[in-house]
Each structure stands twice: as structure tokens, then as C-alpha cells.
Amino acid sequence: LIWLEYLYLQKNKLTGTIPDAIGNLIWLFYLDFAENKLTGAIPDSIGNLTKLWALGLQKNQVTGTIPDSIGNLRKLCKLYVLF
């Protein structure tokens, strides 16, 4: 899956945490976890997704702060984090 460019998982009733391994999908342009039941912190490995253009995390139950590694996402144009 390393070559995956779009991961759209909105409204899939997902539970648990966002795995650290998400940072291995280095070709992602679009990542959408919106409207699930994800908990825990946003992993630091999110900063590895340097090609990411849009990130949707709204309407989940994630906790903590947005990791500093998000600053690595220089191409990020859209960040949705409404909780």
C-alpha cells in the first residue's frame, strides 16, 4: 500500500486509534477519517506524509494536541479537525 494516493474512510464506524503505521503511506495526497469513532492522539508519524494535500479528522473523539510534526506537511492545503 505504500503507493496509495487516496484513502477515504469517512463514515465507516471505525474505532480505536490511528495507527503509527499511517506514516508509512508516504505517497498519500488525501486522507479522510471523518465521522468515525477514532480515539487517542494523532500520531507523530502523520508528519511523514509530506505529499499530503488534505487531511480530514473531523467528528471523531481524538484527544491531545495536534503534533508538531504536522509542520512537515508543506503541501497541506486543507485540514479538517472539528470535534
N, C-alpha and C. Protein backbone atom coordinates (compact mmCIF):
# COMPACT_ATOMS: atom_id res chain seq x y z
N LEU A 1 0.80 -1.21 0.00
CA LEU A 1 0.00 0.00 0.00
C LEU A 1 0.84 1.27 0.00
N ILE A 2 2.13 1.14 -0.03
CA ILE A 2 2.99 2.32 0.04
C ILE A 2 2.69 3.32 -1.08
N TRP A 3 2.18 2.86 -2.22
CA TRP A 3 1.92 3.74 -3.36
C TRP A 3 0.50 4.33 -3.33
N LEU A 4 -0.25 4.05 -2.30
CA LEU A 4 -1.61 4.55 -2.17
C LEU A 4 -1.62 6.08 -2.14
N GLU A 5 -2.51 6.69 -2.94
CA GLU A 5 -2.59 8.14 -3.01
C GLU A 5 -3.82 8.71 -2.32
N TYR A 6 -4.91 7.96 -2.29
CA TYR A 6 -6.15 8.42 -1.69
C TYR A 6 -6.67 7.36 -0.72
N LEU A 7 -6.96 7.77 0.50
CA LEU A 7 -7.54 6.87 1.49
C LEU A 7 -8.75 7.58 2.08
N TYR A 8 -9.92 7.16 1.65
CA TYR A 8 -11.17 7.79 2.02
C TYR A 8 -11.97 6.81 2.88
N LEU A 9 -11.99 7.03 4.18
CA LEU A 9 -12.65 6.12 5.12
C LEU A 9 -13.73 6.83 5.94
N GLN A 10 -14.31 7.86 5.38
CA GLN A 10 -15.33 8.64 6.07
C GLN A 10 -16.58 7.79 6.33
N LYS A 11 -17.16 7.95 7.52
CA LYS A 11 -18.42 7.32 7.92
C LYS A 11 -18.37 5.80 7.83
N ASN A 12 -17.32 5.18 8.35
CA ASN A 12 -17.19 3.73 8.32
C ASN A 12 -17.30 3.10 9.71
N LYS A 13 -17.66 3.88 10.71
CA LYS A 13 -17.81 3.38 12.08
C LYS A 13 -16.51 2.79 12.62
N LEU A 14 -15.38 3.34 12.20
CA LEU A 14 -14.08 2.87 12.68
C LEU A 14 -13.90 3.25 14.14
N THR A 15 -13.29 2.36 14.91
CA THR A 15 -13.00 2.63 16.32
C THR A 15 -11.51 2.39 16.57
N GLY A 16 -11.06 2.79 17.75
CA GLY A 16 -9.66 2.59 18.10
C GLY A 16 -8.85 3.83 17.78
N THR A 17 -7.55 3.67 17.71
CA THR A 17 -6.65 4.79 17.46
C THR A 17 -6.15 4.78 16.02
N ILE A 18 -5.65 5.91 15.60
CA ILE A 18 -4.99 6.00 14.29
C ILE A 18 -3.61 5.35 14.46
N PRO A 19 -3.32 4.31 13.70
CA PRO A 19 -2.04 3.60 13.91
C PRO A 19 -0.83 4.43 13.46
N ASP A 20 0.28 4.24 14.15
CA ASP A 20 1.53 4.89 13.77
C ASP A 20 1.93 4.54 12.34
N ALA A 21 1.55 3.35 11.90
CA ALA A 21 1.93 2.89 10.56
C ALA A 21 1.33 3.76 9.45
N ILE A 22 0.39 4.63 9.78
CA ILE A 22 -0.17 5.53 8.76
C ILE A 22 0.94 6.37 8.14
N GLY A 23 1.98 6.63 8.89
CA GLY A 23 3.12 7.40 8.40
C GLY A 23 3.93 6.70 7.33
N ASN A 24 3.66 5.42 7.11
CA ASN A 24 4.36 4.67 6.05
C ASN A 24 3.76 4.90 4.67
N LEU A 25 2.57 5.49 4.62
CA LEU A 25 1.89 5.72 3.34
C LEU A 25 2.35 7.06 2.74
N ILE A 26 3.62 7.11 2.40
CA ILE A 26 4.27 8.37 2.06
C ILE A 26 3.80 9.01 0.74
N TRP A 27 3.01 8.29 -0.06
CA TRP A 27 2.51 8.85 -1.31
C TRP A 27 1.10 9.40 -1.19
N LEU A 28 0.53 9.37 0.02
CA LEU A 28 -0.84 9.86 0.19
C LEU A 28 -0.97 11.34 -0.13
N PHE A 29 -2.00 11.65 -0.91
CA PHE A 29 -2.37 13.04 -1.19
C PHE A 29 -3.59 13.43 -0.36
N TYR A 30 -4.45 12.45 -0.10
CA TYR A 30 -5.73 12.72 0.53
C TYR A 30 -6.00 11.63 1.56
N LEU A 31 -6.24 12.04 2.80
CA LEU A 31 -6.52 11.12 3.90
C LEU A 31 -7.74 11.62 4.65
N ASP A 32 -8.80 10.82 4.67
CA ASP A 32 -10.04 11.25 5.31
C ASP A 32 -10.56 10.17 6.25
N PHE A 33 -10.51 10.48 7.56
CA PHE A 33 -11.04 9.62 8.62
C PHE A 33 -12.29 10.24 9.25
N ALA A 34 -12.91 11.20 8.60
CA ALA A 34 -14.01 11.96 9.19
C ALA A 34 -15.20 11.08 9.57
N GLU A 35 -15.88 11.51 10.62
CA GLU A 35 -17.13 10.92 11.09
C GLU A 35 -17.02 9.42 11.40
N ASN A 36 -16.01 9.09 12.18
CA ASN A 36 -15.86 7.76 12.72
C ASN A 36 -15.87 7.88 14.24
N LYS A 37 -15.33 6.91 14.93
CA LYS A 37 -15.26 6.94 16.39
C LYS A 37 -13.83 6.70 16.84
N LEU A 38 -12.89 7.34 16.16
CA LEU A 38 -11.48 7.18 16.47
C LEU A 38 -11.14 7.93 17.76
N THR A 39 -10.27 7.34 18.56
CA THR A 39 -9.89 7.91 19.84
C THR A 39 -8.37 8.03 19.92
N GLY A 40 -7.89 8.60 21.01
CA GLY A 40 -6.45 8.72 21.22
C GLY A 40 -5.87 9.91 20.49
N ALA A 41 -4.57 9.97 20.49
CA ALA A 41 -3.85 11.10 19.90
C ALA A 41 -3.60 10.90 18.41
N ILE A 42 -3.42 12.00 17.72
CA ILE A 42 -2.97 11.95 16.33
C ILE A 42 -1.49 11.57 16.37
N PRO A 43 -1.09 10.48 15.70
CA PRO A 43 0.31 10.03 15.82
C PRO A 43 1.30 11.01 15.18
N ASP A 44 2.47 11.09 15.77
CA ASP A 44 3.54 11.93 15.22
C ASP A 44 3.91 11.52 13.81
N SER A 45 3.72 10.26 13.49
CA SER A 45 4.10 9.76 12.16
C SER A 45 3.30 10.42 11.05
N ILE A 46 2.24 11.13 11.39
CA ILE A 46 1.47 11.85 10.38
C ILE A 46 2.37 12.84 9.63
N GLY A 47 3.42 13.28 10.29
CA GLY A 47 4.37 14.21 9.68
C GLY A 47 5.20 13.60 8.57
N ASN A 48 5.15 12.28 8.41
CA ASN A 48 5.87 11.62 7.31
C ASN A 48 5.13 11.75 5.99
N LEU A 49 3.88 12.17 6.03
CA LEU A 49 3.05 12.22 4.82
C LEU A 49 3.26 13.56 4.10
N THR A 50 4.46 13.78 3.64
CA THR A 50 4.86 15.09 3.12
C THR A 50 4.19 15.46 1.80
N LYS A 51 3.52 14.54 1.15
CA LYS A 51 2.80 14.84 -0.08
C LYS A 51 1.32 15.14 0.18
N LEU A 52 0.91 15.03 1.44
CA LEU A 52 -0.49 15.17 1.80
C LEU A 52 -1.01 16.57 1.49
N TRP A 53 -2.16 16.61 0.81
CA TRP A 53 -2.80 17.85 0.43
C TRP A 53 -4.02 18.15 1.31
N ALA A 54 -4.74 17.07 1.73
CA ALA A 54 -5.93 17.24 2.56
C ALA A 54 -5.98 16.17 3.64
N LEU A 55 -6.34 16.58 4.85
CA LEU A 55 -6.44 15.67 5.99
C LEU A 55 -7.75 15.94 6.71
N GLY A 56 -8.61 14.94 6.77
CA GLY A 56 -9.91 15.06 7.42
C GLY A 56 -9.98 14.19 8.66
N LEU A 57 -10.11 14.82 9.81
CA LEU A 57 -10.22 14.10 11.09
C LEU A 57 -11.47 14.54 11.86
N GLN A 58 -12.32 15.35 11.26
CA GLN A 58 -13.44 15.91 11.98
C GLN A 58 -14.45 14.85 12.42
N LYS A 59 -15.15 15.19 13.50
CA LYS A 59 -16.19 14.36 14.08
C LYS A 59 -15.69 12.98 14.48
N ASN A 60 -14.57 12.97 15.19
CA ASN A 60 -14.04 11.79 15.87
C ASN A 60 -13.88 12.17 17.33
N GLN A 61 -13.22 11.33 18.09
CA GLN A 61 -13.01 11.59 19.50
C GLN A 61 -11.53 11.56 19.84
N VAL A 62 -10.71 12.07 18.91
CA VAL A 62 -9.27 12.11 19.17
C VAL A 62 -8.99 13.11 20.28
N THR A 63 -7.92 12.87 21.00
CA THR A 63 -7.57 13.72 22.15
C THR A 63 -6.16 14.25 21.99
N GLY A 64 -5.80 15.16 22.85
CA GLY A 64 -4.46 15.72 22.83
C GLY A 64 -4.35 16.88 21.88
N THR A 65 -3.13 17.22 21.57
CA THR A 65 -2.86 18.35 20.68
C THR A 65 -2.49 17.86 19.29
N ILE A 66 -2.54 18.76 18.35
CA ILE A 66 -2.06 18.44 17.00
C ILE A 66 -0.54 18.35 17.10
N PRO A 67 0.05 17.24 16.64
CA PRO A 67 1.50 17.07 16.82
C PRO A 67 2.31 18.10 16.02
N ASP A 68 3.45 18.47 16.58
CA ASP A 68 4.34 19.41 15.90
C ASP A 68 4.76 18.92 14.52
N SER A 69 4.80 17.59 14.34
CA SER A 69 5.24 17.03 13.06
C SER A 69 4.32 17.43 11.91
N ILE A 70 3.14 17.95 12.21
CA ILE A 70 2.24 18.39 11.15
C ILE A 70 2.88 19.53 10.35
N GLY A 71 3.85 20.19 10.96
CA GLY A 71 4.60 21.24 10.27
C GLY A 71 5.40 20.73 9.09
N ASN A 72 5.62 19.42 9.02
CA ASN A 72 6.33 18.82 7.89
C ASN A 72 5.46 18.74 6.64
N LEU A 73 4.16 18.94 6.80
CA LEU A 73 3.22 18.78 5.69
C LEU A 73 3.11 20.08 4.91
N ARG A 74 4.15 20.40 4.19
CA ARG A 74 4.25 21.67 3.48
C ARG A 74 3.24 21.83 2.34
N LYS A 75 2.70 20.73 1.84
CA LYS A 75 1.73 20.79 0.75
C LYS A 75 0.28 20.76 1.26
N LEU A 76 0.11 20.66 2.57
CA LEU A 76 -1.22 20.57 3.15
C LEU A 76 -1.99 21.86 2.92
N CYS A 77 -3.13 21.75 2.24
CA CYS A 77 -3.98 22.91 1.96
C CYS A 77 -5.26 22.87 2.77
N LYS A 78 -5.73 21.67 3.12
CA LYS A 78 -6.99 21.52 3.85
C LYS A 78 -6.78 20.62 5.07
N LEU A 79 -7.14 21.16 6.22
CA LEU A 79 -7.05 20.42 7.48
C LEU A 79 -8.38 20.57 8.19
N TYR A 80 -9.09 19.45 8.33
CA TYR A 80 -10.40 19.45 8.97
C TYR A 80 -10.28 18.74 10.32
N VAL A 81 -10.47 19.48 11.42
CA VAL A 81 -10.30 18.90 12.76
C VAL A 81 -11.45 19.23 13.70
N LEU A 82 -12.61 19.61 13.20
CA LEU A 82 -13.76 19.90 14.04
C LEU A 82 -14.14 18.67 14.85
N PHE A 83 -14.31 18.84 16.18
CA PHE A 83 -14.64 17.69 17.03
C PHE A 83 -15.99 17.88 17.69
